[in-house]
Amino acid sequence: MASHKRYRIKLTDEERAAFRDVVKGRWGRQKPAAWKVQRAQVMLKCDEGDGGPAWTDERLAESFDTTTRSIQN
């Protein structure tokens, strides 16, 4: 049973590009922390905008080996 989503994420093209840069390690002068990379990956996967994959919180939690509560925070 899917739980109610607290927030609906619809990213702009610029936001998607910024998150992809974090995931690829092109963020600032140094490599981003692992938690920042994971958060960027989650944001990209939960994107409900045009062309976004719109993963559920449950699918995100399972894929990233974490809890739905962590995804919702």
Protein backbone atom coordinates (compact mmCIF):
# COMPACT_ATOMS: atom_id res chain seq x y z
CA MET A 1 0.00 0.00 0.00
CA ALA A 2 1.48 3.35 -1.05
CA SER A 3 1.71 5.97 1.63
CA HIS A 4 0.64 9.58 1.22
CA LYS A 5 3.46 11.75 -0.11
CA ARG A 6 4.22 14.73 2.08
CA TYR A 7 5.72 16.80 -0.74
CA ARG A 8 5.34 16.73 -4.51
CA ILE A 9 8.62 17.50 -6.27
CA LYS A 10 8.56 19.07 -9.73
CA LEU A 11 12.03 20.13 -10.81
CA THR A 12 12.88 22.71 -13.44
CA ASP A 13 15.49 21.93 -16.10
CA GLU A 14 17.98 24.10 -14.20
CA GLU A 15 17.34 22.25 -10.95
CA ARG A 16 17.76 18.89 -12.68
CA ALA A 17 21.06 20.06 -14.17
CA ALA A 18 22.29 21.24 -10.76
CA PHE A 19 21.40 17.90 -9.11
CA ARG A 20 23.06 15.98 -11.96
CA ASP A 21 26.22 18.04 -11.42
CA VAL A 22 26.24 17.03 -7.74
CA VAL A 23 25.76 13.36 -8.67
CA LYS A 24 28.60 13.55 -11.20
CA GLY A 25 30.89 15.24 -8.68
CA ARG A 26 30.92 18.63 -10.38
CA TRP A 27 29.90 20.65 -7.36
CA GLY A 28 32.10 23.46 -6.13
CA ARG A 29 35.84 23.05 -5.79
CA GLN A 30 35.78 19.73 -4.00
CA LYS A 31 33.97 16.43 -4.30
CA PRO A 32 30.52 16.54 -2.64
CA ALA A 33 29.87 14.47 0.48
CA ALA A 34 28.24 11.08 -0.05
CA TRP A 35 25.04 12.17 1.69
CA LYS A 36 24.72 15.15 -0.67
CA VAL A 37 25.13 12.88 -3.69
CA GLN A 38 22.47 10.51 -2.35
CA ARG A 39 20.06 13.38 -1.66
CA ALA A 40 20.60 14.66 -5.21
CA GLN A 41 19.92 11.17 -6.59
CA VAL A 42 16.72 10.94 -4.54
CA MET A 43 15.56 14.35 -5.76
CA LEU A 44 16.11 13.33 -9.37
CA LYS A 45 14.21 10.05 -8.93
CA CYS A 46 11.21 11.56 -7.10
CA ASP A 47 10.79 14.36 -9.67
CA GLU A 48 7.15 14.45 -10.81
CA GLY A 49 7.75 17.14 -13.42
CA ASP A 50 7.71 16.60 -17.18
CA GLY A 51 9.90 13.61 -17.96
CA GLY A 52 10.66 12.87 -14.31
CA PRO A 53 10.55 9.25 -13.11
CA ALA A 54 8.23 10.05 -10.14
CA TRP A 55 9.36 7.14 -7.94
CA THR A 56 7.32 6.47 -4.81
CA ASP A 57 8.84 6.95 -1.36
CA GLU A 58 8.77 3.18 -0.86
CA ARG A 59 10.66 2.52 -4.10
CA LEU A 60 13.21 5.21 -3.23
CA ALA A 61 13.74 3.78 0.26
CA GLU A 62 14.24 0.28 -1.10
CA SER A 63 16.57 1.39 -3.90
CA PHE A 64 18.73 3.56 -1.65
CA ASP A 65 18.68 1.09 1.27
CA THR A 66 17.10 3.53 3.71
CA THR A 67 13.72 4.20 5.34
CA THR A 68 10.75 6.10 3.94
CA ARG A 69 11.11 8.51 6.84
CA SER A 70 14.63 9.38 5.66
CA ILE A 71 13.29 9.92 2.15
CA GLN A 72 10.55 12.23 3.42
CA ASN A 73 13.00 14.34 5.41
